[in-house]
Each structure stands twice: as C-alpha cells, then as structure tokens.
Amino acid sequence: MIAKAAVVLSLVALATAGVVQLSHGYGGGEGYGHEAVAYAPVAQLSHYEAQEEHVDYHAHPKYDYSYSVSDPHTGDHKEQHEARDGDVVKGEYSLLQPDGSFRKVTYTADDHNGFNAIVHNTAPVHPEFHH
C-alpha cells in the first residue's frame, strides 16, 4: 500500500511541476528581471530542382561480351560469347558435360528468323579399364 501511495504522489508531483527559472528577480545585468532569450539559428533550405536527363529508350542496341570458367576442382569448364548489333544476336557457348562429352551450341536470333541453334556434341569419354 505504501508503494502505491509513493507512485501516486510521484506522478502528482511530476504533473504539477513547473519550469525552474534560472534568474531570480532583477537578475544581474540581463535587463529588468527578464531572462535572456537565445534563439537557434534558422537553417537555410536550398531549392533543389531535378535535372531532366534525356534517355533514349530507342537507341540502337549494340554489345559484345564473353566469359569462361575453368575449375579443375569441380570439373566446371564452360565458355560463352555473344554479340548484338541492332535486332541481330549471334553467339555460342560450350561446356564439358559430366559424362566427359563436349557440347558446343552456336546460335543466332533476329526478327525475321527467330532463334536458331546448332548443337554439336562429342562422344562421351569413358575411362579404359585394363584387366
């Protein structure tokens, strides 16, 4: 019961508390009993205007890239090369398959013929067993 009364009295004291004035009466050299007021400087806001950047979404597409991976630890061996000029894409990729065969795919794509691929496979490599 005493704890509840202490909490209630603390809340009442907090709710009725006022602001403590640092100067009293005729306060030394600040004028006629008024506190000196200092205002925070006003931040200057600069006006920002977004720049209009013209992006030509109908530009002539052209690129050429290639990459290769050769990892003897995992056995991952592959390559790819592709080039695009306008609406014509030409490329090829190759890989060493898990059975030891080698696959090479050459492809082209355009608006007139669509996507066409030619696939070349070598025979799987089987290890020789000696009796």
C-alpha atoms as a PDB file:
ATOM      1  CA  MET A   1       0.000   0.000   0.000  1.00  0.00           C
ATOM      2  CA  ILE A   2       2.832   2.364   0.800  1.00  0.00           C
ATOM      3  CA  ALA A   3       4.434   1.635  -2.586  1.00  0.00           C
ATOM      4  CA  LYS A   4       1.196   2.520  -4.397  1.00  0.00           C
ATOM      5  CA  ALA A   5       0.908   5.773  -2.441  1.00  0.00           C
ATOM      6  CA  ALA A   6       4.524   6.641  -3.285  1.00  0.00           C
ATOM      7  CA  VAL A   7       3.896   6.046  -7.001  1.00  0.00           C
ATOM      8  CA  VAL A   8       0.710   8.152  -6.968  1.00  0.00           C
ATOM      9  CA  LEU A   9       2.427  11.009  -5.098  1.00  0.00           C
ATOM     10  CA  SER A  10       5.366  10.885  -7.521  1.00  0.00           C
ATOM     11  CA  LEU A  11       3.008  11.133 -10.505  1.00  0.00           C
ATOM     12  CA  VAL A  12       1.130  14.061  -8.932  1.00  0.00           C
ATOM     13  CA  ALA A  13       4.404  15.860  -8.205  1.00  0.00           C
ATOM     14  CA  LEU A  14       5.598  15.283 -11.754  1.00  0.00           C
ATOM     15  CA  ALA A  15       2.318  16.505 -13.265  1.00  0.00           C
ATOM     16  CA  THR A  16       2.263  19.717 -11.215  1.00  0.00           C
ATOM     17  CA  ALA A  17       5.953  20.507 -11.572  1.00  0.00           C
ATOM     18  CA  GLY A  18       6.740  23.805 -13.239  1.00  0.00           C
ATOM     19  CA  VAL A  19       9.726  25.121 -15.134  1.00  0.00           C
ATOM     20  CA  VAL A  20      12.634  26.143 -12.940  1.00  0.00           C
ATOM     21  CA  GLN A  21      13.711  29.718 -13.648  1.00  0.00           C
ATOM     22  CA  LEU A  22      17.439  30.261 -13.567  1.00  0.00           C
ATOM     23  CA  SER A  23      17.266  34.010 -12.944  1.00  0.00           C
ATOM     24  CA  HIS A  24      15.566  35.432  -9.902  1.00  0.00           C
ATOM     25  CA  GLY A  25      14.043  38.844  -9.642  1.00  0.00           C
ATOM     26  CA  TYR A  26      16.170  41.604 -11.041  1.00  0.00           C
ATOM     27  CA  GLY A  27      18.794  39.216 -12.441  1.00  0.00           C
ATOM     28  CA  GLY A  28      22.290  40.567 -12.839  1.00  0.00           C
ATOM     29  CA  GLY A  29      22.741  42.658 -15.935  1.00  0.00           C
ATOM     30  CA  GLU A  30      20.230  40.961 -18.152  1.00  0.00           C
ATOM     31  CA  GLY A  31      17.720  43.776 -18.030  1.00  0.00           C
ATOM     32  CA  TYR A  32      14.729  44.312 -15.824  1.00  0.00           C
ATOM     33  CA  GLY A  33      14.190  40.845 -14.446  1.00  0.00           C
ATOM     34  CA  HIS A  34      13.670  39.103 -17.769  1.00  0.00           C
ATOM     35  CA  GLU A  35      15.685  36.133 -18.856  1.00  0.00           C
ATOM     36  CA  ALA A  36      17.898  36.457 -21.879  1.00  0.00           C
ATOM     37  CA  VAL A  37      16.433  34.577 -24.791  1.00  0.00           C
ATOM     38  CA  ALA A  38      18.697  32.892 -27.310  1.00  0.00           C
ATOM     39  CA  TYR A  39      17.164  31.545 -30.460  1.00  0.00           C
ATOM     40  CA  ALA A  40      18.634  28.727 -32.500  1.00  0.00           C
ATOM     41  CA  PRO A  41      19.877  29.798 -35.912  1.00  0.00           C
ATOM     42  CA  VAL A  42      17.423  29.187 -38.720  1.00  0.00           C
ATOM     43  CA  ALA A  43      18.590  26.589 -41.201  1.00  0.00           C
ATOM     44  CA  GLN A  44      18.650  27.852 -44.759  1.00  0.00           C
ATOM     45  CA  LEU A  45      16.922  25.485 -47.134  1.00  0.00           C
ATOM     46  CA  SER A  46      18.272  25.354 -50.629  1.00  0.00           C
ATOM     47  CA  HIS A  47      15.907  24.790 -53.513  1.00  0.00           C
ATOM     48  CA  TYR A  48      16.604  21.563 -55.404  1.00  0.00           C
ATOM     49  CA  GLU A  49      15.430  21.064 -58.926  1.00  0.00           C
ATOM     50  CA  ALA A  50      15.762  17.659 -60.531  1.00  0.00           C
ATOM     51  CA  GLN A  51      17.714  17.718 -63.750  1.00  0.00           C
ATOM     52  CA  GLU A  52      15.829  16.387 -66.713  1.00  0.00           C
ATOM     53  CA  GLU A  53      18.011  13.662 -68.164  1.00  0.00           C
ATOM     54  CA  HIS A  54      17.060  12.565 -71.630  1.00  0.00           C
ATOM     55  CA  VAL A  55      17.209   8.807 -72.007  1.00  0.00           C
ATOM     56  CA  ASP A  56      16.759   7.464 -75.499  1.00  0.00           C
ATOM     57  CA  TYR A  57      14.926   4.190 -74.999  1.00  0.00           C
ATOM     58  CA  HIS A  58      15.008   3.548 -78.712  1.00  0.00           C
ATOM     59  CA  ALA A  59      18.778   3.735 -79.104  1.00  0.00           C
ATOM     60  CA  HIS A  60      20.497   1.234 -81.380  1.00  0.00           C
ATOM     61  CA  PRO A  61      21.350  -1.778 -79.154  1.00  0.00           C
ATOM     62  CA  LYS A  62      24.896  -2.994 -79.560  1.00  0.00           C
ATOM     63  CA  TYR A  63      27.073  -5.109 -77.269  1.00  0.00           C
ATOM     64  CA  ASP A  64      29.735  -7.792 -77.321  1.00  0.00           C
ATOM     65  CA  TYR A  65      30.693  -9.912 -74.312  1.00  0.00           C
ATOM     66  CA  SER A  66      32.274 -13.200 -73.402  1.00  0.00           C
ATOM     67  CA  TYR A  67      33.290 -15.172 -70.339  1.00  0.00           C
ATOM     68  CA  SER A  68      34.786 -18.504 -69.436  1.00  0.00           C
ATOM     69  CA  VAL A  69      35.100 -20.725 -66.378  1.00  0.00           C
ATOM     70  CA  SER A  70      37.702 -23.411 -65.848  1.00  0.00           C
ATOM     71  CA  ASP A  71      37.631 -25.031 -62.420  1.00  0.00           C
ATOM     72  CA  PRO A  72      39.591 -28.304 -62.230  1.00  0.00           C
ATOM     73  CA  HIS A  73      38.442 -28.879 -58.644  1.00  0.00           C
ATOM     74  CA  THR A  74      34.737 -29.092 -59.556  1.00  0.00           C
ATOM     75  CA  GLY A  75      35.192 -30.058 -63.199  1.00  0.00           C
ATOM     76  CA  ASP A  76      33.253 -26.986 -64.323  1.00  0.00           C
ATOM     77  CA  HIS A  77      34.501 -25.909 -67.758  1.00  0.00           C
ATOM     78  CA  LYS A  78      32.405 -23.601 -69.921  1.00  0.00           C
ATOM     79  CA  GLU A  79      32.620 -20.585 -72.222  1.00  0.00           C
ATOM     80  CA  GLN A  80      30.195 -18.148 -73.778  1.00  0.00           C
ATOM     81  CA  HIS A  81      30.443 -15.357 -76.325  1.00  0.00           C
ATOM     82  CA  GLU A  82      27.580 -13.218 -77.600  1.00  0.00           C
ATOM     83  CA  ALA A  83      27.317 -10.131 -79.797  1.00  0.00           C
ATOM     84  CA  ARG A  84      24.329  -7.978 -80.666  1.00  0.00           C
ATOM     85  CA  ASP A  85      24.017  -5.345 -83.340  1.00  0.00           C
ATOM     86  CA  GLY A  86      20.509  -3.949 -83.625  1.00  0.00           C
ATOM     87  CA  ASP A  87      17.999  -6.771 -83.691  1.00  0.00           C
ATOM     88  CA  VAL A  88      20.534  -9.448 -84.657  1.00  0.00           C
ATOM     89  CA  VAL A  89      22.131 -11.562 -81.922  1.00  0.00           C
ATOM     90  CA  LYS A  90      24.873 -14.109 -82.617  1.00  0.00           C
ATOM     91  CA  GLY A  91      26.695 -16.231 -80.124  1.00  0.00           C
ATOM     92  CA  GLU A  92      27.979 -19.550 -78.961  1.00  0.00           C
ATOM     93  CA  TYR A  93      28.560 -21.396 -75.750  1.00  0.00           C
ATOM     94  CA  SER A  94      30.336 -24.599 -74.884  1.00  0.00           C
ATOM     95  CA  LEU A  95      30.640 -26.808 -71.854  1.00  0.00           C
ATOM     96  CA  LEU A  96      32.203 -30.017 -70.659  1.00  0.00           C
ATOM     97  CA  GLN A  97      29.376 -32.283 -69.534  1.00  0.00           C
ATOM     98  CA  PRO A  98      29.586 -34.640 -66.534  1.00  0.00           C
ATOM     99  CA  ASP A  99      29.940 -37.722 -68.761  1.00  0.00           C
ATOM    100  CA  GLY A 100      33.060 -36.215 -70.375  1.00  0.00           C
ATOM    101  CA  SER A 101      31.369 -35.199 -73.630  1.00  0.00           C
ATOM    102  CA  PHE A 102      31.832 -31.709 -75.002  1.00  0.00           C
ATOM    103  CA  ARG A 103      28.838 -29.660 -76.165  1.00  0.00           C
ATOM    104  CA  LYS A 104      29.076 -26.555 -78.337  1.00  0.00           C
ATOM    105  CA  VAL A 105      25.992 -24.539 -79.301  1.00  0.00           C
ATOM    106  CA  THR A 106      26.113 -21.832 -81.954  1.00  0.00           C
ATOM    107  CA  TYR A 107      23.028 -19.634 -82.183  1.00  0.00           C
ATOM    108  CA  THR A 108      21.533 -16.657 -83.984  1.00  0.00           C
ATOM    109  CA  ALA A 109      18.386 -14.685 -83.336  1.00  0.00           C
ATOM    110  CA  ASP A 110      16.656 -11.953 -85.312  1.00  0.00           C
ATOM    111  CA  ASP A 111      13.175 -10.626 -86.042  1.00  0.00           C
ATOM    112  CA  HIS A 112      12.883 -12.446 -89.358  1.00  0.00           C
ATOM    113  CA  ASN A 113      14.143 -15.972 -88.485  1.00  0.00           C
ATOM    114  CA  GLY A 114      13.608 -16.113 -84.720  1.00  0.00           C
ATOM    115  CA  PHE A 115      16.011 -18.124 -82.569  1.00  0.00           C
ATOM    116  CA  ASN A 116      18.064 -20.837 -84.290  1.00  0.00           C
ATOM    117  CA  ALA A 117      20.664 -23.036 -82.651  1.00  0.00           C
ATOM    118  CA  ILE A 118      23.073 -25.642 -83.964  1.00  0.00           C
ATOM    119  CA  VAL A 119      24.250 -28.140 -81.350  1.00  0.00           C
ATOM    120  CA  HIS A 120      27.480 -30.141 -81.693  1.00  0.00           C
ATOM    121  CA  ASN A 121      28.215 -32.974 -79.241  1.00  0.00           C
ATOM    122  CA  THR A 122      31.285 -35.164 -78.951  1.00  0.00           C
ATOM    123  CA  ALA A 123      31.034 -38.755 -77.773  1.00  0.00           C
ATOM    124  CA  PRO A 124      31.300 -39.345 -74.032  1.00  0.00           C
ATOM    125  CA  VAL A 125      34.746 -40.185 -72.772  1.00  0.00           C
ATOM    126  CA  HIS A 126      34.875 -43.471 -70.873  1.00  0.00           C
ATOM    127  CA  PRO A 127      37.978 -44.409 -68.930  1.00  0.00           C
ATOM    128  CA  GLU A 128      39.807 -47.503 -70.142  1.00  0.00           C
ATOM    129  CA  PHE A 129      39.923 -50.473 -67.798  1.00  0.00           C
ATOM    130  CA  HIS A 130      42.916 -52.766 -68.002  1.00  0.00           C
ATOM    131  CA  HIS A 131      42.360 -56.411 -66.989  1.00  0.00           C
END
